[in-house]
Amino acid sequence: MTNSFGYKDAGVDIDAANSATARIKKLARTTFNEQTLSEIGSFGGMFSATFPDTRDPVLVASCDGVGTKLKIAFATGTHNTVGYDLVAHSINDILVQGARPLFFLDYIACGKLDPNVIEQIIEGMARGCREAGCVLIGGETAEMPGFYPEGEYDIAGFIVGVVDKSKVIDGSRIVAGDVVFGLPALGLHTNGYSLARKLLLDVAGNQVDTVVPELGCTVGEELLKPHKSYLPALGRLINHEGVIKGLAHITGGGLVENIPRILPSNVDVALKEGSWPVLPVYNLMQRIGNVSREEMLRTFNLGLGMIVITSPQYADKVKDHFAQAGEKFYEVGEVVEGDGKVVFV
């Protein structure tokens, strides 16, 4: 007798996928607004392109992932934070050009689909979207047997936002004498995790549930601290044309590689060492691995997740804004004549 095979025998469970989709729909609906024109499950997500408060709308798009921070989610069984991280990271990437998020799409790929895990990932995404007034408009969940190890997955996010052309922030107006502020990070955010895992777990001999007194928490809790969205801190400021000259989201490459992305070729940013608190986790990792200062600077945010550059005439306005909003900030340096790099003084 010839055996009869189906898709499930090949490792793909359509019933599990349908269960996951039903859960995703419920969570995604909590992010919908009046511009949302389609349901989750359509072939494409539809969004009304009407922007009554924007004279000359410019769409800004970005895509990213959260890297090997996922390995900490796998090890701890905590899956409801990495989706939030993905949304926050994506929001920040378009915020630096002055854009507010409109809608977000996700991609989740796994070897074996677990509806409970998928629901936790999407719960984090939906929470991040709701906080930002951003619609979770669609996505893809791919079950690929044999491609990912059991219990592991990958996620990516795609975001679209809008900014009035007159309010685009591109760094082109930055000149020597401008003031540089830094907004604090909550932790590693979503960068440098391959080195962090090597140091805190392999070299130090810790487990994810090891409590480290210097950190005041377990290794897993430290490494799962959320990626901060800076939209609440900067949302009102970006509406004021000309106040902010440049924004740099400090991601992979750290301070030394991200700030130059927004600088004209004739200026440097001079950062004053000691002007902001370096998070304890960075001091710990540097000590564990005898990591060079240069390597730390090009790998981690070192406690600053967003750099804000403004002119001296608006510096007090920016300070007052952060103070009134209850946002911590540090005056970390100034713009000087140079050739488009970061220097430390």
C-alpha atoms as a PDB file:
ATOM      1  CA  MET A   1       0.000   0.000   0.000  1.00  0.00           C
ATOM      2  CA  THR A   2       1.276   3.485  -0.904  1.00  0.00           C
ATOM      3  CA  ASN A   3       1.557   5.876   2.035  1.00  0.00           C
ATOM      4  CA  SER A   4      -0.426   9.099   1.837  1.00  0.00           C
ATOM      5  CA  PHE A   5       1.466  12.263   2.770  1.00  0.00           C
ATOM      6  CA  GLY A   6       0.248  15.747   3.502  1.00  0.00           C
ATOM      7  CA  TYR A   7       1.785  19.136   4.229  1.00  0.00           C
ATOM      8  CA  LYS A   8       1.776  18.386   7.958  1.00  0.00           C
ATOM      9  CA  ASP A   9       3.983  15.353   7.361  1.00  0.00           C
ATOM     10  CA  ALA A  10       6.524  17.726   5.810  1.00  0.00           C
ATOM     11  CA  GLY A  11       6.475  19.814   8.983  1.00  0.00           C
ATOM     12  CA  VAL A  12       4.012  22.556   8.037  1.00  0.00           C
ATOM     13  CA  ASP A  13       0.903  22.762  10.247  1.00  0.00           C
ATOM     14  CA  ILE A  14      -1.790  24.762   8.464  1.00  0.00           C
ATOM     15  CA  ASP A  15      -4.151  24.482  11.439  1.00  0.00           C
ATOM     16  CA  ALA A  16      -1.526  26.032  13.729  1.00  0.00           C
ATOM     17  CA  ALA A  17      -0.995  28.797  11.189  1.00  0.00           C
ATOM     18  CA  ASN A  18      -4.725  29.523  11.093  1.00  0.00           C
ATOM     19  CA  SER A  19      -4.836  29.631  14.889  1.00  0.00           C
ATOM     20  CA  ALA A  20      -1.933  32.070  14.950  1.00  0.00           C
ATOM     21  CA  THR A  21      -3.556  34.262  12.312  1.00  0.00           C
ATOM     22  CA  ALA A  22      -6.772  34.474  14.323  1.00  0.00           C
ATOM     23  CA  ARG A  23      -4.807  35.649  17.356  1.00  0.00           C
ATOM     24  CA  ILE A  24      -2.833  38.138  15.266  1.00  0.00           C
ATOM     25  CA  LYS A  25      -6.035  39.656  13.867  1.00  0.00           C
ATOM     26  CA  LYS A  26      -7.383  40.286  17.342  1.00  0.00           C
ATOM     27  CA  LEU A  27      -4.195  42.036  18.460  1.00  0.00           C
ATOM     28  CA  ALA A  28      -3.735  43.999  15.238  1.00  0.00           C
ATOM     29  CA  ARG A  29      -7.266  45.424  15.417  1.00  0.00           C
ATOM     30  CA  THR A  30      -6.301  47.190  18.655  1.00  0.00           C
ATOM     31  CA  THR A  31      -3.970  49.395  16.576  1.00  0.00           C
ATOM     32  CA  PHE A  32      -6.401  50.291  13.768  1.00  0.00           C
ATOM     33  CA  ASN A  33      -7.562  53.866  13.145  1.00  0.00           C
ATOM     34  CA  GLU A  34      -9.795  55.741  10.719  1.00  0.00           C
ATOM     35  CA  GLN A  35      -7.157  55.516   7.970  1.00  0.00           C
ATOM     36  CA  THR A  36      -7.042  51.709   8.102  1.00  0.00           C
ATOM     37  CA  LEU A  37      -8.957  50.343   5.110  1.00  0.00           C
ATOM     38  CA  SER A  38      -8.260  46.597   5.227  1.00  0.00           C
ATOM     39  CA  GLU A  39      -8.308  43.642   7.598  1.00  0.00           C
ATOM     40  CA  ILE A  40      -5.407  41.402   8.547  1.00  0.00           C
ATOM     41  CA  GLY A  41      -5.470  38.502   6.107  1.00  0.00           C
ATOM     42  CA  SER A  42      -5.951  40.577   2.967  1.00  0.00           C
ATOM     43  CA  PHE A  43      -3.337  40.159   0.258  1.00  0.00           C
ATOM     44  CA  GLY A  44      -2.221  43.718   0.933  1.00  0.00           C
ATOM     45  CA  GLY A  45      -2.764  46.218   3.714  1.00  0.00           C
ATOM     46  CA  MET A  46      -4.619  49.378   2.674  1.00  0.00           C
ATOM     47  CA  PHE A  47      -4.121  52.754   4.327  1.00  0.00           C
ATOM     48  CA  SER A  48      -5.743  56.046   3.369  1.00  0.00           C
ATOM     49  CA  ALA A  49      -3.143  58.482   2.041  1.00  0.00           C
ATOM     50  CA  THR A  50      -4.912  61.602   3.276  1.00  0.00           C
ATOM     51  CA  PHE A  51      -2.838  63.983   5.374  1.00  0.00           C
ATOM     52  CA  PRO A  52      -4.973  67.095   5.979  1.00  0.00           C
ATOM     53  CA  ASP A  53      -2.405  68.701   8.293  1.00  0.00           C
ATOM     54  CA  THR A  54       0.527  68.164   5.928  1.00  0.00           C
ATOM     55  CA  ARG A  55       1.063  70.577   3.041  1.00  0.00           C
ATOM     56  CA  ASP A  56       3.687  68.580   1.164  1.00  0.00           C
ATOM     57  CA  PRO A  57       3.793  65.018   2.545  1.00  0.00           C
ATOM     58  CA  VAL A  58       6.964  62.950   2.226  1.00  0.00           C
ATOM     59  CA  LEU A  59       6.809  59.235   3.017  1.00  0.00           C
ATOM     60  CA  VAL A  60       9.724  57.778   4.976  1.00  0.00           C
ATOM     61  CA  ALA A  61      10.238  53.995   5.075  1.00  0.00           C
ATOM     62  CA  SER A  62      12.618  51.698   6.927  1.00  0.00           C
ATOM     63  CA  CYS A  63      13.131  48.024   7.730  1.00  0.00           C
ATOM     64  CA  ASP A  64      15.159  46.312  10.447  1.00  0.00           C
ATOM     65  CA  GLY A  65      15.435  43.378  12.834  1.00  0.00           C
ATOM     66  CA  VAL A  66      16.533  42.878  16.436  1.00  0.00           C
ATOM     67  CA  GLY A  67      19.557  40.668  15.773  1.00  0.00           C
ATOM     68  CA  THR A  68      20.797  38.121  18.271  1.00  0.00           C
ATOM     69  CA  LYS A  69      18.797  39.652  21.099  1.00  0.00           C
ATOM     70  CA  LEU A  70      16.414  36.924  19.984  1.00  0.00           C
ATOM     71  CA  LYS A  71      18.800  34.359  21.486  1.00  0.00           C
ATOM     72  CA  ILE A  72      18.004  35.810  24.925  1.00  0.00           C
ATOM     73  CA  ALA A  73      14.279  35.510  24.220  1.00  0.00           C
ATOM     74  CA  PHE A  74      14.773  31.849  23.303  1.00  0.00           C
ATOM     75  CA  ALA A  75      16.847  31.149  26.402  1.00  0.00           C
ATOM     76  CA  THR A  76      14.439  32.857  28.823  1.00  0.00           C
ATOM     77  CA  GLY A  77      11.172  31.891  27.139  1.00  0.00           C
ATOM     78  CA  THR A  78      10.208  35.582  27.123  1.00  0.00           C
ATOM     79  CA  HIS A  79       8.793  36.495  23.726  1.00  0.00           C
ATOM     80  CA  ASN A  80       6.586  39.534  24.413  1.00  0.00           C
ATOM     81  CA  THR A  81       9.418  42.089  24.451  1.00  0.00           C
ATOM     82  CA  VAL A  82      11.309  41.548  21.190  1.00  0.00           C
ATOM     83  CA  GLY A  83       8.309  42.557  19.099  1.00  0.00           C
ATOM     84  CA  TYR A  84       8.099  45.803  21.056  1.00  0.00           C
ATOM     85  CA  ASP A  85      11.832  46.335  20.490  1.00  0.00           C
ATOM     86  CA  LEU A  86      11.359  45.905  16.762  1.00  0.00           C
ATOM     87  CA  VAL A  87       8.635  48.547  16.592  1.00  0.00           C
ATOM     88  CA  ALA A  88      10.532  51.025  18.782  1.00  0.00           C
ATOM     89  CA  HIS A  89      13.722  50.607  16.748  1.00  0.00           C
ATOM     90  CA  SER A  90      11.804  51.170  13.513  1.00  0.00           C
ATOM     91  CA  ILE A  91      10.018  54.248  14.857  1.00  0.00           C
ATOM     92  CA  ASN A  92      13.322  55.808  15.880  1.00  0.00           C
ATOM     93  CA  ASP A  93      14.844  55.146  12.470  1.00  0.00           C
ATOM     94  CA  ILE A  94      12.239  57.295  10.703  1.00  0.00           C
ATOM     95  CA  LEU A  95      11.864  59.773  13.579  1.00  0.00           C
ATOM     96  CA  VAL A  96      15.408  61.021  12.950  1.00  0.00           C
ATOM     97  CA  GLN A  97      14.165  62.471   9.650  1.00  0.00           C
ATOM     98  CA  GLY A  98      11.177  64.079  11.332  1.00  0.00           C
ATOM     99  CA  ALA A  99       8.615  61.434  10.355  1.00  0.00           C
ATOM    100  CA  ARG A 100       5.726  60.182  12.429  1.00  0.00           C
ATOM    101  CA  PRO A 101       4.798  56.497  11.974  1.00  0.00           C
ATOM    102  CA  LEU A 102       1.746  55.593   9.909  1.00  0.00           C
ATOM    103  CA  PHE A 103       1.794  51.808   9.639  1.00  0.00           C
ATOM    104  CA  PHE A 104       3.973  48.794  10.381  1.00  0.00           C
ATOM    105  CA  LEU A 105       4.327  45.328   8.866  1.00  0.00           C
ATOM    106  CA  ASP A 106       6.108  42.332  10.348  1.00  0.00           C
ATOM    107  CA  TYR A 107       7.807  39.180   9.119  1.00  0.00           C
ATOM    108  CA  ILE A 108       8.151  36.164  11.408  1.00  0.00           C
ATOM    109  CA  ALA A 109       9.924  33.012  10.251  1.00  0.00           C
ATOM    110  CA  CYS A 110      10.257  29.809  12.247  1.00  0.00           C
ATOM    111  CA  GLY A 111      10.929  26.103  11.863  1.00  0.00           C
ATOM    112  CA  LYS A 112       7.812  24.971  13.715  1.00  0.00           C
ATOM    113  CA  LEU A 113       4.971  27.381  14.315  1.00  0.00           C
ATOM    114  CA  ASP A 114       3.806  27.715  17.912  1.00  0.00           C
ATOM    115  CA  PRO A 115       0.668  29.911  18.073  1.00  0.00           C
ATOM    116  CA  ASN A 116       1.378  30.814  21.713  1.00  0.00           C
ATOM    117  CA  VAL A 117       4.852  32.148  20.894  1.00  0.00           C
ATOM    118  CA  ILE A 118       3.586  33.999  17.811  1.00  0.00           C
ATOM    119  CA  GLU A 119       0.869  35.622  19.917  1.00  0.00           C
ATOM    120  CA  GLN A 120       3.434  36.833  22.455  1.00  0.00           C
ATOM    121  CA  ILE A 121       5.634  38.337  19.722  1.00  0.00           C
ATOM    122  CA  ILE A 122       2.667  40.122  18.134  1.00  0.00           C
ATOM    123  CA  GLU A 123       1.434  41.322  21.548  1.00  0.00           C
ATOM    124  CA  GLY A 124       4.685  43.239  21.928  1.00  0.00           C
ATOM    125  CA  MET A 125       4.427  44.663  18.416  1.00  0.00           C
ATOM    126  CA  ALA A 126       0.826  45.739  18.936  1.00  0.00           C
ATOM    127  CA  ARG A 127       1.716  47.418  22.233  1.00  0.00           C
ATOM    128  CA  GLY A 128       4.504  49.391  20.567  1.00  0.00           C
ATOM    129  CA  CYS A 129       2.223  50.389  17.712  1.00  0.00           C
ATOM    130  CA  ARG A 130      -0.602  51.506  20.008  1.00  0.00           C
ATOM    131  CA  GLU A 131       1.744  53.695  22.035  1.00  0.00           C
ATOM    132  CA  ALA A 132       2.896  55.423  18.836  1.00  0.00           C
ATOM    133  CA  GLY A 133      -0.493  55.696  17.117  1.00  0.00           C
ATOM    134  CA  CYS A 134       0.843  53.380  14.420  1.00  0.00           C
ATOM    135  CA  VAL A 135      -1.271  50.754  12.649  1.00  0.00           C
ATOM    136  CA  LEU A 136      -0.105  47.135  12.577  1.00  0.00           C
ATOM    137  CA  ILE A 137      -1.473  46.682   9.083  1.00  0.00           C
ATOM    138  CA  GLY A 138      -0.163  43.306   7.981  1.00  0.00           C
ATOM    139  CA  GLY A 139       2.701  40.867   7.840  1.00  0.00           C
ATOM    140  CA  GLU A 140       3.875  37.360   7.063  1.00  0.00           C
ATOM    141  CA  THR A 141       4.336  34.313   9.281  1.00  0.00           C
ATOM    142  CA  ALA A 142       6.444  31.691   7.533  1.00  0.00           C
ATOM    143  CA  GLU A 143       6.821  28.136   8.810  1.00  0.00           C
ATOM    144  CA  MET A 144       9.945  26.604   7.255  1.00  0.00           C
ATOM    145  CA  PRO A 145      10.738  23.138   8.646  1.00  0.00           C
ATOM    146  CA  GLY A 146      14.432  22.311   8.783  1.00  0.00           C
ATOM    147  CA  PHE A 147      15.469  25.920   8.210  1.00  0.00           C
ATOM    148  CA  TYR A 148      15.482  27.124  11.833  1.00  0.00           C
ATOM    149  CA  PRO A 149      16.443  25.105  14.936  1.00  0.00           C
ATOM    150  CA  GLU A 150      13.561  23.991  17.122  1.00  0.00           C
ATOM    151  CA  GLY A 151      12.278  26.802  19.325  1.00  0.00           C
ATOM    152  CA  GLU A 152      13.961  29.559  17.319  1.00  0.00           C
ATOM    153  CA  TYR A 153      12.631  32.178  14.933  1.00  0.00           C
ATOM    154  CA  ASP A 154      13.564  35.428  13.239  1.00  0.00           C
ATOM    155  CA  ILE A 155      11.606  38.658  12.996  1.00  0.00           C
ATOM    156  CA  ALA A 156      11.843  41.752  10.824  1.00  0.00           C
ATOM    157  CA  GLY A 157       9.808  44.924  10.702  1.00  0.00           C
ATOM    158  CA  PHE A 158       8.849  47.384   7.990  1.00  0.00           C
ATOM    159  CA  ILE A 159       7.578  50.867   8.820  1.00  0.00           C
ATOM    160  CA  VAL A 160       6.206  53.797   6.827  1.00  0.00           C
ATOM    161  CA  GLY A 161       5.831  57.303   8.218  1.00  0.00           C
ATOM    162  CA  VAL A 162       5.132  60.804   6.954  1.00  0.00           C
ATOM    163  CA  VAL A 163       6.720  64.225   7.353  1.00  0.00           C
ATOM    164  CA  ASP A 164       5.951  67.591   5.794  1.00  0.00           C
ATOM    165  CA  LYS A 165       8.744  68.369   3.338  1.00  0.00           C
ATOM    166  CA  SER A 166       9.424  71.696   5.072  1.00  0.00           C
ATOM    167  CA  LYS A 167      10.032  69.831   8.366  1.00  0.00           C
ATOM    168  CA  VAL A 168      12.395  67.130   7.101  1.00  0.00           C
ATOM    169  CA  ILE A 169      15.415  66.771   9.411  1.00  0.00           C
ATOM    170  CA  ASP A 170      18.533  65.808   7.453  1.00  0.00           C
ATOM    171  CA  GLY A 171      21.456  67.447   9.255  1.00  0.00           C
ATOM    172  CA  SER A 172      22.290  69.733   6.344  1.00  0.00           C
ATOM    173  CA  ARG A 173      21.883  72.899   8.475  1.00  0.00           C
ATOM    174  CA  ILE A 174      24.303  71.757  11.192  1.00  0.00           C
ATOM    175  CA  VAL A 175      27.162  74.251  11.722  1.00  0.00           C
ATOM    176  CA  ALA A 176      30.011  74.753  14.162  1.00  0.00           C
ATOM    177  CA  GLY A 177      28.714  76.106  17.470  1.00  0.00           C
ATOM    178  CA  ASP A 178      25.545  74.001  17.540  1.00  0.00           C
ATOM    179  CA  VAL A 179      24.641  72.262  20.798  1.00  0.00           C
ATOM    180  CA  VAL A 180      24.523  68.469  21.188  1.00  0.00           C
ATOM    181  CA  PHE A 181      22.135  66.731  23.604  1.00  0.00           C
ATOM    182  CA  GLY A 182      21.892  63.035  24.388  1.00  0.00           C
ATOM    183  CA  LEU A 183      18.786  61.111  25.441  1.00  0.00           C
ATOM    184  CA  PRO A 184      19.475  58.092  27.647  1.00  0.00           C
ATOM    185  CA  ALA A 185      19.120  54.487  26.541  1.00  0.00           C
ATOM    186  CA  LEU A 186      17.430  51.915  28.766  1.00  0.00           C
ATOM    187  CA  GLY A 187      20.028  49.258  27.996  1.00  0.00           C
ATOM    188  CA  LEU A 188      21.696  47.714  24.973  1.00  0.00           C
ATOM    189  CA  HIS A 189      18.498  48.288  22.970  1.00  0.00           C
ATOM    190  CA  THR A 190      18.988  45.958  19.970  1.00  0.00           C
ATOM    191  CA  ASN A 191      22.689  46.196  19.184  1.00  0.00           C
ATOM    192  CA  GLY A 192      25.928  44.516  20.180  1.00  0.00           C
ATOM    193  CA  TYR A 193      24.257  41.350  21.421  1.00  0.00           C
ATOM    194  CA  SER A 194      26.702  38.908  19.859  1.00  0.00           C
ATOM    195  CA  LEU A 195      29.527  40.461  21.885  1.00  0.00           C
ATOM    196  CA  ALA A 196      27.331  40.952  24.968  1.00  0.00           C
ATOM    197  CA  ARG A 197      26.282  37.295  25.004  1.00  0.00           C
ATOM    198  CA  LYS A 198      29.889  36.208  24.535  1.00  0.00           C
ATOM    199  CA  LEU A 199      31.054  38.309  27.481  1.00  0.00           C
ATOM    200  CA  LEU A 200      28.199  38.017  29.972  1.00  0.00           C
ATOM    201  CA  LEU A 201      27.417  34.341  29.352  1.00  0.00           C
ATOM    202  CA  ASP A 202      30.387  32.509  27.827  1.00  0.00           C
ATOM    203  CA  VAL A 203      33.366  34.399  29.274  1.00  0.00           C
ATOM    204  CA  ALA A 204      31.812  35.213  32.664  1.00  0.00           C
ATOM    205  CA  GLY A 205      30.223  31.768  32.975  1.00  0.00           C
ATOM    206  CA  ASN A 206      26.780  33.148  33.796  1.00  0.00           C
ATOM    207  CA  GLN A 207      23.371  31.749  32.870  1.00  0.00           C
ATOM    208  CA  VAL A 208      20.454  33.929  31.829  1.00  0.00           C
ATOM    209  CA  ASP A 209      18.956  33.497  35.307  1.00  0.00           C
ATOM    210  CA  THR A 210      22.167  34.425  37.151  1.00  0.00           C
ATOM    211  CA  VAL A 211      21.657  37.458  39.370  1.00  0.00           C
ATOM    212  CA  VAL A 212      24.494  39.968  38.966  1.00  0.00           C
ATOM    213  CA  PRO A 213      24.656  42.391  41.931  1.00  0.00           C
ATOM    214  CA  GLU A 214      26.325  45.088  39.839  1.00  0.00           C
ATOM    215  CA  LEU A 215      23.308  45.042  37.522  1.00  0.00           C
ATOM    216  CA  GLY A 216      20.664  44.577  40.197  1.00  0.00           C
ATOM    217  CA  CYS A 217      18.938  41.895  38.123  1.00  0.00           C
ATOM    218  CA  THR A 218      19.563  38.680  36.210  1.00  0.00           C
ATOM    219  CA  VAL A 219      21.614  38.615  33.027  1.00  0.00           C
ATOM    220  CA  GLY A 220      18.469  37.787  31.065  1.00  0.00           C
ATOM    221  CA  GLU A 221      16.533  40.708  32.551  1.00  0.00           C
ATOM    222  CA  GLU A 222      19.369  43.101  31.747  1.00  0.00           C
ATOM    223  CA  LEU A 223      19.648  41.936  28.159  1.00  0.00           C
ATOM    224  CA  LEU A 224      15.887  42.040  27.606  1.00  0.00           C
ATOM    225  CA  LYS A 225      15.513  45.654  28.736  1.00  0.00           C
ATOM    226  CA  PRO A 226      13.393  47.356  26.059  1.00  0.00           C
ATOM    227  CA  HIS A 227      14.528  49.454  23.147  1.00  0.00           C
ATOM    228  CA  LYS A 228      13.231  52.916  23.998  1.00  0.00           C
ATOM    229  CA  SER A 229      11.038  54.780  21.529  1.00  0.00           C
ATOM    230  CA  TYR A 230      11.972  58.462  21.448  1.00  0.00           C
ATOM    231  CA  LEU A 231       8.721  59.575  19.817  1.00  0.00           C
ATOM    232  CA  PRO A 232       7.190  60.725  23.145  1.00  0.00           C
ATOM    233  CA  ALA A 233      10.310  62.782  23.907  1.00  0.00           C
ATOM    234  CA  LEU A 234      10.654  64.329  20.442  1.00  0.00           C
ATOM    235  CA  GLY A 235       7.166  64.284  18.935  1.00  0.00           C
ATOM    236  CA  ARG A 236       6.290  67.896  19.770  1.00  0.00           C
ATOM    237  CA  LEU A 237       9.756  69.226  18.957  1.00  0.00           C
ATOM    238  CA  ILE A 238       9.777  67.837  15.416  1.00  0.00           C
ATOM    239  CA  ASN A 239       6.571  69.783  14.746  1.00  0.00           C
ATOM    240  CA  HIS A 240       8.438  73.063  15.273  1.00  0.00           C
ATOM    241  CA  GLU A 241      10.146  73.753  11.988  1.00  0.00           C
ATOM    242  CA  GLY A 242      13.850  74.522  12.336  1.00  0.00           C
ATOM    243  CA  VAL A 243      14.270  73.770  16.055  1.00  0.00           C
ATOM    244  CA  ILE A 244      16.026  70.434  15.580  1.00  0.00           C
ATOM    245  CA  LYS A 245      18.859  70.400  13.056  1.00  0.00           C
ATOM    246  CA  GLY A 246      19.859  66.757  13.381  1.00  0.00           C
ATOM    247  CA  LEU A 247      18.904  63.504  15.087  1.00  0.00           C
ATOM    248  CA  ALA A 248      21.002  60.336  15.239  1.00  0.00           C
ATOM    249  CA  HIS A 249      19.600  57.014  16.448  1.00  0.00           C
ATOM    250  CA  ILE A 250      22.493  55.208  18.143  1.00  0.00           C
ATOM    251  CA  THR A 251      22.281  51.660  16.836  1.00  0.00           C
ATOM    252  CA  GLY A 252      24.908  49.290  15.398  1.00  0.00           C
ATOM    253  CA  GLY A 253      28.178  51.190  15.091  1.00  0.00           C
ATOM    254  CA  GLY A 254      27.633  53.121  18.304  1.00  0.00           C
ATOM    255  CA  LEU A 255      28.261  56.825  18.714  1.00  0.00           C
ATOM    256  CA  VAL A 256      31.307  56.947  16.443  1.00  0.00           C
ATOM    257  CA  GLU A 257      29.562  55.590  13.344  1.00  0.00           C
ATOM    258  CA  ASN A 258      25.972  56.805  13.686  1.00  0.00           C
ATOM    259  CA  ILE A 259      26.490  60.496  14.414  1.00  0.00           C
ATOM    260  CA  PRO A 260      28.590  61.066  11.254  1.00  0.00           C
ATOM    261  CA  ARG A 261      25.648  59.831   9.160  1.00  0.00           C
ATOM    262  CA  ILE A 262      23.930  63.191   9.710  1.00  0.00           C
ATOM    263  CA  LEU A 263      26.939  65.546   9.651  1.00  0.00           C
ATOM    264  CA  PRO A 264      27.977  67.894   6.835  1.00  0.00           C
ATOM    265  CA  SER A 265      31.534  67.172   5.670  1.00  0.00           C
ATOM    266  CA  ASN A 266      32.998  70.323   7.246  1.00  0.00           C
ATOM    267  CA  VAL A 267      32.091  69.730  10.923  1.00  0.00           C
ATOM    268  CA  ASP A 268      32.724  67.249  13.733  1.00  0.00           C
ATOM    269  CA  VAL A 269      30.759  66.502  16.882  1.00  0.00           C
ATOM    270  CA  ALA A 270      32.922  66.888  19.987  1.00  0.00           C
ATOM    271  CA  LEU A 271      31.501  64.743  22.796  1.00  0.00           C
ATOM    272  CA  LYS A 272      32.510  65.590  26.336  1.00  0.00           C
ATOM    273  CA  GLU A 273      33.503  62.407  28.142  1.00  0.00           C
ATOM    274  CA  GLY A 274      31.850  62.067  31.540  1.00  0.00           C
ATOM    275  CA  SER A 275      28.909  64.288  30.579  1.00  0.00           C
ATOM    276  CA  TRP A 276      26.477  61.376  30.677  1.00  0.00           C
ATOM    277  CA  PRO A 277      26.280  58.227  32.865  1.00  0.00           C
ATOM    278  CA  VAL A 278      27.593  55.076  31.192  1.00  0.00           C
ATOM    279  CA  LEU A 279      25.274  52.206  32.107  1.00  0.00           C
ATOM    280  CA  PRO A 280      26.710  49.647  34.570  1.00  0.00           C
ATOM    281  CA  VAL A 281      26.351  46.809  32.071  1.00  0.00           C
ATOM    282  CA  TYR A 282      28.914  48.452  29.793  1.00  0.00           C
ATOM    283  CA  ASN A 283      31.481  48.895  32.551  1.00  0.00           C
ATOM    284  CA  LEU A 284      30.916  45.265  33.524  1.00  0.00           C
ATOM    285  CA  MET A 285      31.367  43.943  29.991  1.00  0.00           C
ATOM    286  CA  GLN A 286      34.468  46.023  29.378  1.00  0.00           C
ATOM    287  CA  ARG A 287      36.014  44.637  32.546  1.00  0.00           C
ATOM    288  CA  ILE A 288      35.032  41.018  31.853  1.00  0.00           C
ATOM    289  CA  GLY A 289      36.482  40.998  28.364  1.00  0.00           C
ATOM    290  CA  ASN A 290      39.202  43.641  28.667  1.00  0.00           C
ATOM    291  CA  VAL A 291      37.456  45.255  25.702  1.00  0.00           C
ATOM    292  CA  SER A 292      39.226  48.254  24.220  1.00  0.00           C
ATOM    293  CA  ARG A 293      37.663  51.691  24.479  1.00  0.00           C
ATOM    294  CA  GLU A 294      37.548  51.895  20.676  1.00  0.00           C
ATOM    295  CA  GLU A 295      35.686  48.588  20.426  1.00  0.00           C
ATOM    296  CA  MET A 296      33.144  49.666  23.050  1.00  0.00           C
ATOM    297  CA  LEU A 297      32.523  52.959  21.244  1.00  0.00           C
ATOM    298  CA  ARG A 298      31.889  51.365  17.859  1.00  0.00           C
ATOM    299  CA  THR A 299      29.725  48.510  19.197  1.00  0.00           C
ATOM    300  CA  PHE A 300      27.441  49.888  21.904  1.00  0.00           C
ATOM    301  CA  ASN A 301      25.363  53.001  22.619  1.00  0.00           C
ATOM    302  CA  LEU A 302      27.119  53.366  26.022  1.00  0.00           C
ATOM    303  CA  GLY A 303      23.956  54.805  27.544  1.00  0.00           C
ATOM    304  CA  LEU A 304      22.853  57.271  24.848  1.00  0.00           C
ATOM    305  CA  GLY A 305      20.109  56.087  22.513  1.00  0.00           C
ATOM    306  CA  MET A 306      19.446  59.322  20.613  1.00  0.00           C
ATOM    307  CA  ILE A 307      21.555  62.376  19.781  1.00  0.00           C
ATOM    308  CA  VAL A 308      19.807  65.733  19.297  1.00  0.00           C
ATOM    309  CA  ILE A 309      21.525  68.701  17.639  1.00  0.00           C
ATOM    310  CA  THR A 310      20.109  72.224  17.806  1.00  0.00           C
ATOM    311  CA  SER A 311      21.360  75.787  17.465  1.00  0.00           C
ATOM    312  CA  PRO A 312      22.368  77.798  20.557  1.00  0.00           C
ATOM    313  CA  GLN A 313      19.288  80.019  20.116  1.00  0.00           C
ATOM    314  CA  TYR A 314      16.979  77.026  20.641  1.00  0.00           C
ATOM    315  CA  ALA A 315      19.042  75.195  23.289  1.00  0.00           C
ATOM    316  CA  ASP A 316      17.031  76.529  26.227  1.00  0.00           C
ATOM    317  CA  LYS A 317      13.772  75.786  24.426  1.00  0.00           C
ATOM    318  CA  VAL A 318      14.868  72.186  23.932  1.00  0.00           C
ATOM    319  CA  LYS A 319      15.960  71.879  27.577  1.00  0.00           C
ATOM    320  CA  ASP A 320      12.646  73.282  28.791  1.00  0.00           C
ATOM    321  CA  HIS A 321      10.747  70.894  26.546  1.00  0.00           C
ATOM    322  CA  PHE A 322      12.529  67.823  27.910  1.00  0.00           C
ATOM    323  CA  ALA A 323      12.145  69.041  31.497  1.00  0.00           C
ATOM    324  CA  GLN A 324       8.414  69.687  31.100  1.00  0.00           C
ATOM    325  CA  ALA A 325       7.962  66.302  29.415  1.00  0.00           C
ATOM    326  CA  GLY A 326       9.768  64.558  32.264  1.00  0.00           C
ATOM    327  CA  GLU A 327      12.439  63.254  29.894  1.00  0.00           C
ATOM    328  CA  LYS A 328      16.010  62.839  31.077  1.00  0.00           C
ATOM    329  CA  PHE A 329      18.612  64.497  28.888  1.00  0.00           C
ATOM    330  CA  TYR A 330      22.264  65.447  28.949  1.00  0.00           C
ATOM    331  CA  GLU A 331      24.180  68.221  27.230  1.00  0.00           C
ATOM    332  CA  VAL A 332      26.980  66.058  25.859  1.00  0.00           C
ATOM    333  CA  GLY A 333      28.950  68.265  23.487  1.00  0.00           C
ATOM    334  CA  GLU A 334      29.057  70.713  20.635  1.00  0.00           C
ATOM    335  CA  VAL A 335      29.596  70.893  16.912  1.00  0.00           C
ATOM    336  CA  VAL A 336      33.069  72.084  15.877  1.00  0.00           C
ATOM    337  CA  GLU A 337      34.906  72.592  12.611  1.00  0.00           C
ATOM    338  CA  GLY A 338      36.187  69.308  11.213  1.00  0.00           C
ATOM    339  CA  ASP A 339      35.637  66.708   8.548  1.00  0.00           C
ATOM    340  CA  GLY A 340      32.492  64.783   9.503  1.00  0.00           C
ATOM    341  CA  LYS A 341      33.518  62.623  12.458  1.00  0.00           C
ATOM    342  CA  VAL A 342      33.076  62.227  16.222  1.00  0.00           C
ATOM    343  CA  VAL A 343      35.847  63.321  18.587  1.00  0.00           C
ATOM    344  CA  PHE A 344      36.019  63.003  22.364  1.00  0.00           C
ATOM    345  CA  VAL A 345      37.202  65.796  24.625  1.00  0.00           C
END
